[in-house]
Amino acid sequence: YFAGEVHANTVTKDSESDLIQLVSRGN
């Protein structure tokens, strides 16, 4: 799952699956 909004990079793995949240910046 790709997201933005926060202007910083954070990668988090879902607690119950292999789903990854990848929040990134490109400012």
PDB file of all heavy atoms in Angstrom:
ATOM      1  N   TYR A   1       0.865  -1.172   0.000  1.00  0.00           N
ATOM      2  CA  TYR A   1       0.000   0.000   0.000  1.00  0.00           C
ATOM      3  C   TYR A   1       0.904   1.225   0.000  1.00  0.00           C
ATOM      4  O   TYR A   1       1.704   1.432   0.919  1.00  0.00           O
ATOM      5  CB  TYR A   1      -0.905   0.022   1.230  1.00  0.00           C
ATOM      6  CG  TYR A   1      -1.680   1.312   1.379  1.00  0.00           C
ATOM      7  CD1 TYR A   1      -2.687   1.647   0.478  1.00  0.00           C
ATOM      8  CD2 TYR A   1      -1.386   2.211   2.398  1.00  0.00           C
ATOM      9  CE1 TYR A   1      -3.392   2.832   0.590  1.00  0.00           C
ATOM     10  CE2 TYR A   1      -2.095   3.403   2.532  1.00  0.00           C
ATOM     11  CZ  TYR A   1      -3.098   3.710   1.627  1.00  0.00           C
ATOM     12  OH  TYR A   1      -3.785   4.889   1.743  1.00  0.00           O
ATOM     13  N   PHE A   2       0.802   2.050  -1.042  1.00  0.00           N
ATOM     14  CA  PHE A   2       1.618   3.253  -1.186  1.00  0.00           C
ATOM     15  C   PHE A   2       0.833   4.474  -0.716  1.00  0.00           C
ATOM     16  O   PHE A   2      -0.331   4.658  -1.080  1.00  0.00           O
ATOM     17  CB  PHE A   2       2.010   3.464  -2.649  1.00  0.00           C
ATOM     18  CG  PHE A   2       2.892   2.398  -3.222  1.00  0.00           C
ATOM     19  CD1 PHE A   2       2.351   1.381  -3.993  1.00  0.00           C
ATOM     20  CD2 PHE A   2       4.262   2.403  -3.011  1.00  0.00           C
ATOM     21  CE1 PHE A   2       3.152   0.397  -4.543  1.00  0.00           C
ATOM     22  CE2 PHE A   2       5.075   1.419  -3.556  1.00  0.00           C
ATOM     23  CZ  PHE A   2       4.521   0.413  -4.318  1.00  0.00           C
ATOM     24  N   ALA A   3       1.482   5.342   0.083  1.00  0.00           N
ATOM     25  CA  ALA A   3       0.864   6.575   0.553  1.00  0.00           C
ATOM     26  C   ALA A   3       1.897   7.688   0.579  1.00  0.00           C
ATOM     27  O   ALA A   3       3.101   7.455   0.447  1.00  0.00           O
ATOM     28  CB  ALA A   3       0.251   6.370   1.938  1.00  0.00           C
ATOM     29  N   GLY A   4       1.422   8.899   0.763  1.00  0.00           N
ATOM     30  CA  GLY A   4       2.295  10.072   0.861  1.00  0.00           C
ATOM     31  C   GLY A   4       1.873  10.915   2.045  1.00  0.00           C
ATOM     32  O   GLY A   4       1.829  10.448   3.166  1.00  0.00           O
ATOM     33  N   GLU A   5       1.575  12.194   1.794  1.00  0.00           N
ATOM     34  CA  GLU A   5       1.000  13.134   2.752  1.00  0.00           C
ATOM     35  C   GLU A   5       1.975  13.651   3.800  1.00  0.00           C
ATOM     36  O   GLU A   5       2.002  14.852   4.080  1.00  0.00           O
ATOM     37  CB  GLU A   5      -0.238  12.513   3.446  1.00  0.00           C
ATOM     38  CG  GLU A   5      -0.760  13.234   4.688  1.00  0.00           C
ATOM     39  CD  GLU A   5      -1.296  14.650   4.410  1.00  0.00           C
ATOM     40  OE1 GLU A   5      -1.346  15.074   3.231  1.00  0.00           O
ATOM     41  OE2 GLU A   5      -1.646  15.345   5.368  1.00  0.00           O
ATOM     42  N   VAL A   6       2.810  12.803   4.388  1.00  0.00           N
ATOM     43  CA  VAL A   6       3.563  13.201   5.579  1.00  0.00           C
ATOM     44  C   VAL A   6       4.986  13.640   5.291  1.00  0.00           C
ATOM     45  O   VAL A   6       5.733  14.013   6.202  1.00  0.00           O
ATOM     46  CB  VAL A   6       3.561  12.064   6.626  1.00  0.00           C
ATOM     47  CG1 VAL A   6       2.170  11.865   7.191  1.00  0.00           C
ATOM     48  CG2 VAL A   6       4.071  10.765   6.024  1.00  0.00           C
ATOM     49  N   HIS A   7       5.414  13.599   4.023  1.00  0.00           N
ATOM     50  CA  HIS A   7       6.714  14.132   3.600  1.00  0.00           C
ATOM     51  C   HIS A   7       7.899  13.460   4.284  1.00  0.00           C
ATOM     52  O   HIS A   7       8.917  14.091   4.565  1.00  0.00           O
ATOM     53  CB  HIS A   7       6.787  15.647   3.839  1.00  0.00           C
ATOM     54  CG  HIS A   7       5.616  16.407   3.302  1.00  0.00           C
ATOM     55  ND1 HIS A   7       5.314  17.681   3.698  1.00  0.00           N
ATOM     56  CD2 HIS A   7       4.667  16.056   2.394  1.00  0.00           C
ATOM     57  CE1 HIS A   7       4.223  18.092   3.068  1.00  0.00           C
ATOM     58  NE2 HIS A   7       3.817  17.114   2.268  1.00  0.00           N
ATOM     59  N   ALA A   8       7.756  12.186   4.556  1.00  0.00           N
ATOM     60  CA  ALA A   8       8.826  11.405   5.174  1.00  0.00           C
ATOM     61  C   ALA A   8       8.652   9.945   4.778  1.00  0.00           C
ATOM     62  O   ALA A   8       7.580   9.537   4.325  1.00  0.00           O
ATOM     63  CB  ALA A   8       8.802  11.553   6.695  1.00  0.00           C
ATOM     64  N   ASN A   9       9.709   9.170   4.944  1.00  0.00           N
ATOM     65  CA  ASN A   9       9.687   7.758   4.565  1.00  0.00           C
ATOM     66  C   ASN A   9       9.448   6.876   5.789  1.00  0.00           C
ATOM     67  O   ASN A   9      10.150   6.994   6.789  1.00  0.00           O
ATOM     68  CB  ASN A   9      11.023   7.358   3.926  1.00  0.00           C
ATOM     69  CG  ASN A   9      11.343   8.176   2.689  1.00  0.00           C
ATOM     70  OD1 ASN A   9      10.535   8.273   1.775  1.00  0.00           O
ATOM     71  ND2 ASN A   9      12.528   8.776   2.662  1.00  0.00           N
ATOM     72  N   THR A  10       8.451   5.996   5.684  1.00  0.00           N
ATOM     73  CA  THR A  10       8.201   4.998   6.725  1.00  0.00           C
ATOM     74  C   THR A  10       7.704   3.722   6.067  1.00  0.00           C
ATOM     75  O   THR A  10       6.739   3.769   5.295  1.00  0.00           O
ATOM     76  CB  THR A  10       7.143   5.460   7.746  1.00  0.00           C
ATOM     77  OG1 THR A  10       7.482   6.746   8.250  1.00  0.00           O
ATOM     78  CG2 THR A  10       7.054   4.476   8.907  1.00  0.00           C
ATOM     79  N   VAL A  11       8.340   2.608   6.379  1.00  0.00           N
ATOM     80  CA  VAL A  11       7.886   1.308   5.901  1.00  0.00           C
ATOM     81  C   VAL A  11       7.415   0.509   7.111  1.00  0.00           C
ATOM     82  O   VAL A  11       8.146   0.354   8.092  1.00  0.00           O
ATOM     83  CB  VAL A  11       9.008   0.545   5.171  1.00  0.00           C
ATOM     84  CG1 VAL A  11       8.524  -0.845   4.749  1.00  0.00           C
ATOM     85  CG2 VAL A  11       9.480   1.333   3.957  1.00  0.00           C
ATOM     86  N   THR A  12       6.190  -0.012   7.034  1.00  0.00           N
ATOM     87  CA  THR A  12       5.612  -0.765   8.141  1.00  0.00           C
ATOM     88  C   THR A  12       4.964  -2.034   7.610  1.00  0.00           C
ATOM     89  O   THR A  12       4.255  -1.988   6.600  1.00  0.00           O
ATOM     90  CB  THR A  12       4.550   0.055   8.891  1.00  0.00           C
ATOM     91  OG1 THR A  12       5.024   1.385   9.096  1.00  0.00           O
ATOM     92  CG2 THR A  12       4.232  -0.576  10.229  1.00  0.00           C
ATOM     93  N   LYS A  13       5.204  -3.134   8.290  1.00  0.00           N
ATOM     94  CA  LYS A  13       4.558  -4.398   7.926  1.00  0.00           C
ATOM     95  C   LYS A  13       3.284  -4.570   8.751  1.00  0.00           C
ATOM     96  O   LYS A  13       3.275  -4.325   9.952  1.00  0.00           O
ATOM     97  CB  LYS A  13       5.499  -5.579   8.176  1.00  0.00           C
ATOM     98  CG  LYS A  13       4.935  -6.946   7.798  1.00  0.00           C
ATOM     99  CD  LYS A  13       5.939  -8.047   8.107  1.00  0.00           C
ATOM    100  CE  LYS A  13       5.372  -9.421   7.803  1.00  0.00           C
ATOM    101  NZ  LYS A  13       4.199  -9.732   8.655  1.00  0.00           N
ATOM    102  N   ASP A  14       2.214  -4.963   8.083  1.00  0.00           N
ATOM    103  CA  ASP A  14       0.962  -5.238   8.763  1.00  0.00           C
ATOM    104  C   ASP A  14       1.176  -6.315   9.824  1.00  0.00           C
ATOM    105  O   ASP A  14       1.919  -7.278   9.621  1.00  0.00           O
ATOM    106  CB  ASP A  14      -0.082  -5.709   7.745  1.00  0.00           C
ATOM    107  CG  ASP A  14      -1.403  -6.065   8.385  1.00  0.00           C
ATOM    108  OD1 ASP A  14      -1.920  -5.251   9.170  1.00  0.00           O
ATOM    109  OD2 ASP A  14      -1.905  -7.173   8.110  1.00  0.00           O
ATOM    110  N   SER A  15       0.503  -6.177  10.953  1.00  0.00           N
ATOM    111  CA  SER A  15       0.715  -7.094  12.077  1.00  0.00           C
ATOM    112  C   SER A  15       0.178  -8.493  11.817  1.00  0.00           C
ATOM    113  O   SER A  15       0.579  -9.446  12.490  1.00  0.00           O
ATOM    114  CB  SER A  15       0.054  -6.529  13.337  1.00  0.00           C
ATOM    115  OG  SER A  15      -1.350  -6.385  13.136  1.00  0.00           O
ATOM    116  N   GLU A  16      -0.730  -8.654  10.834  1.00  0.00           N
ATOM    117  CA  GLU A  16      -1.370  -9.943  10.625  1.00  0.00           C
ATOM    118  C   GLU A  16      -1.184 -10.516   9.226  1.00  0.00           C
ATOM    119  O   GLU A  16      -1.829 -11.509   8.876  1.00  0.00           O
ATOM    120  CB  GLU A  16      -2.866  -9.826  10.933  1.00  0.00           C
ATOM    121  CG  GLU A  16      -3.160  -9.434  12.373  1.00  0.00           C
ATOM    122  CD  GLU A  16      -4.641  -9.361  12.664  1.00  0.00           C
ATOM    123  OE1 GLU A  16      -5.424  -9.988  11.902  1.00  0.00           O
ATOM    124  OE2 GLU A  16      -5.028  -8.683  13.630  1.00  0.00           O
ATOM    125  N   SER A  17      -0.332  -9.901   8.415  1.00  0.00           N
ATOM    126  CA  SER A  17      -0.135 -10.397   7.052  1.00  0.00           C
ATOM    127  C   SER A  17       1.195  -9.882   6.525  1.00  0.00           C
ATOM    128  O   SER A  17       1.954  -9.222   7.235  1.00  0.00           O
ATOM    129  CB  SER A  17      -1.280  -9.929   6.144  1.00  0.00           C
ATOM    130  OG  SER A  17      -1.182  -8.540   5.905  1.00  0.00           O
ATOM    131  N   ASP A  18       1.465 -10.172   5.249  1.00  0.00           N
ATOM    132  CA  ASP A  18       2.685  -9.677   4.607  1.00  0.00           C
ATOM    133  C   ASP A  18       2.461  -8.349   3.896  1.00  0.00           C
ATOM    134  O   ASP A  18       3.335  -7.887   3.151  1.00  0.00           O
ATOM    135  CB  ASP A  18       3.204 -10.718   3.605  1.00  0.00           C
ATOM    136  CG  ASP A  18       3.766 -11.948   4.289  1.00  0.00           C
ATOM    137  OD1 ASP A  18       4.325 -11.805   5.395  1.00  0.00           O
ATOM    138  OD2 ASP A  18       3.648 -13.058   3.738  1.00  0.00           O
ATOM    139  N   LEU A  19       1.317  -7.730   4.103  1.00  0.00           N
ATOM    140  CA  LEU A  19       1.019  -6.430   3.506  1.00  0.00           C
ATOM    141  C   LEU A  19       1.964  -5.369   4.057  1.00  0.00           C
ATOM    142  O   LEU A  19       2.138  -5.244   5.269  1.00  0.00           O
ATOM    143  CB  LEU A  19      -0.440  -6.065   3.804  1.00  0.00           C
ATOM    144  CG  LEU A  19      -0.920  -4.660   3.463  1.00  0.00           C
ATOM    145  CD1 LEU A  19      -0.712  -4.343   1.988  1.00  0.00           C
ATOM    146  CD2 LEU A  19      -2.391  -4.517   3.851  1.00  0.00           C
ATOM    147  N   ILE A  20       2.558  -4.614   3.145  1.00  0.00           N
ATOM    148  CA  ILE A  20       3.498  -3.553   3.508  1.00  0.00           C
ATOM    149  C   ILE A  20       2.873  -2.194   3.245  1.00  0.00           C
ATOM    150  O   ILE A  20       2.296  -1.954   2.179  1.00  0.00           O
ATOM    151  CB  ILE A  20       4.799  -3.674   2.690  1.00  0.00           C
ATOM    152  CG1 ILE A  20       5.606  -4.898   3.117  1.00  0.00           C
ATOM    153  CG2 ILE A  20       5.657  -2.406   2.801  1.00  0.00           C
ATOM    154  CD1 ILE A  20       6.193  -4.802   4.515  1.00  0.00           C
ATOM    155  N   GLN A  21       2.961  -1.288   4.212  1.00  0.00           N
ATOM    156  CA  GLN A  21       2.634   0.125   3.984  1.00  0.00           C
ATOM    157  C   GLN A  21       3.938   0.860   3.711  1.00  0.00           C
ATOM    158  O   GLN A  21       4.837   0.871   4.552  1.00  0.00           O
ATOM    159  CB  GLN A  21       1.938   0.738   5.187  1.00  0.00           C
ATOM    160  CG  GLN A  21       1.731   2.253   5.057  1.00  0.00           C
ATOM    161  CD  GLN A  21       0.981   2.849   6.221  1.00  0.00           C
ATOM    162  OE1 GLN A  21      -0.239   2.820   6.284  1.00  0.00           O
ATOM    163  NE2 GLN A  21       1.712   3.410   7.184  1.00  0.00           N
ATOM    164  N   LEU A  22       4.034   1.474   2.525  1.00  0.00           N
ATOM    165  CA  LEU A  22       5.227   2.232   2.150  1.00  0.00           C
ATOM    166  C   LEU A  22       4.809   3.689   1.980  1.00  0.00           C
ATOM    167  O   LEU A  22       4.197   4.072   0.988  1.00  0.00           O
ATOM    168  CB  LEU A  22       5.831   1.684   0.854  1.00  0.00           C
ATOM    169  CG  LEU A  22       7.286   2.040   0.551  1.00  0.00           C
ATOM    170  CD1 LEU A  22       7.806   1.227  -0.631  1.00  0.00           C
ATOM    171  CD2 LEU A  22       7.512   3.520   0.259  1.00  0.00           C
ATOM    172  N   VAL A  23       5.126   4.487   2.984  1.00  0.00           N
ATOM    173  CA  VAL A  23       4.849   5.922   2.948  1.00  0.00           C
ATOM    174  C   VAL A  23       6.149   6.621   2.562  1.00  0.00           C
ATOM    175  O   VAL A  23       7.191   6.376   3.176  1.00  0.00           O
ATOM    176  CB  VAL A  23       4.359   6.423   4.320  1.00  0.00           C
ATOM    177  CG1 VAL A  23       4.016   7.893   4.257  1.00  0.00           C
ATOM    178  CG2 VAL A  23       3.165   5.606   4.781  1.00  0.00           C
ATOM    179  N   SER A  24       6.090   7.468   1.544  1.00  0.00           N
ATOM    180  CA  SER A  24       7.340   8.044   1.029  1.00  0.00           C
ATOM    181  C   SER A  24       7.212   9.533   0.764  1.00  0.00           C
ATOM    182  O   SER A  24       6.122  10.107   0.827  1.00  0.00           O
ATOM    183  CB  SER A  24       7.755   7.318  -0.255  1.00  0.00           C
ATOM    184  OG  SER A  24       6.763   7.470  -1.258  1.00  0.00           O
ATOM    185  N   ARG A  25       8.344  10.136   0.461  1.00  0.00           N
ATOM    186  CA  ARG A  25       8.385  11.551   0.144  1.00  0.00           C
ATOM    187  C   ARG A  25       9.029  11.748  -1.215  1.00  0.00           C
ATOM    188  O   ARG A  25       9.886  10.968  -1.637  1.00  0.00           O
ATOM    189  CB  ARG A  25       9.129  12.331   1.219  1.00  0.00           C
ATOM    190  CG  ARG A  25      10.630  12.353   1.135  1.00  0.00           C
ATOM    191  CD  ARG A  25      11.281  13.072   2.311  1.00  0.00           C
ATOM    192  NE  ARG A  25      11.871  14.351   1.964  1.00  0.00           N
ATOM    193  CZ  ARG A  25      11.523  15.506   2.511  1.00  0.00           C
ATOM    194  NH1 ARG A  25      10.569  15.545   3.409  1.00  0.00           N
ATOM    195  NH2 ARG A  25      12.101  16.639   2.158  1.00  0.00           N
ATOM    196  N   GLY A  26       8.607  12.810  -1.915  1.00  0.00           N
ATOM    197  CA  GLY A  26       9.213  13.139  -3.207  1.00  0.00           C
ATOM    198  C   GLY A  26       9.303  14.632  -3.409  1.00  0.00           C
ATOM    199  O   GLY A  26       9.453  15.106  -4.529  1.00  0.00           O
ATOM    200  N   ASN A  27       9.188  15.381  -2.322  1.00  0.00           N
ATOM    201  CA  ASN A  27       9.073  16.831  -2.379  1.00  0.00           C
ATOM    202  C   ASN A  27      10.139  17.477  -3.262  1.00  0.00           C
ATOM    203  O   ASN A  27      11.339  17.364  -2.995  1.00  0.00           O
ATOM    204  CB  ASN A  27       9.168  17.415  -0.970  1.00  0.00           C
ATOM    205  CG  ASN A  27       8.142  16.825  -0.036  1.00  0.00           C
ATOM    206  OD1 ASN A  27       8.095  15.605   0.148  1.00  0.00           O
ATOM    207  ND2 ASN A  27       7.320  17.658   0.555  1.00  0.00           N
TER     208      ASN A  27
END
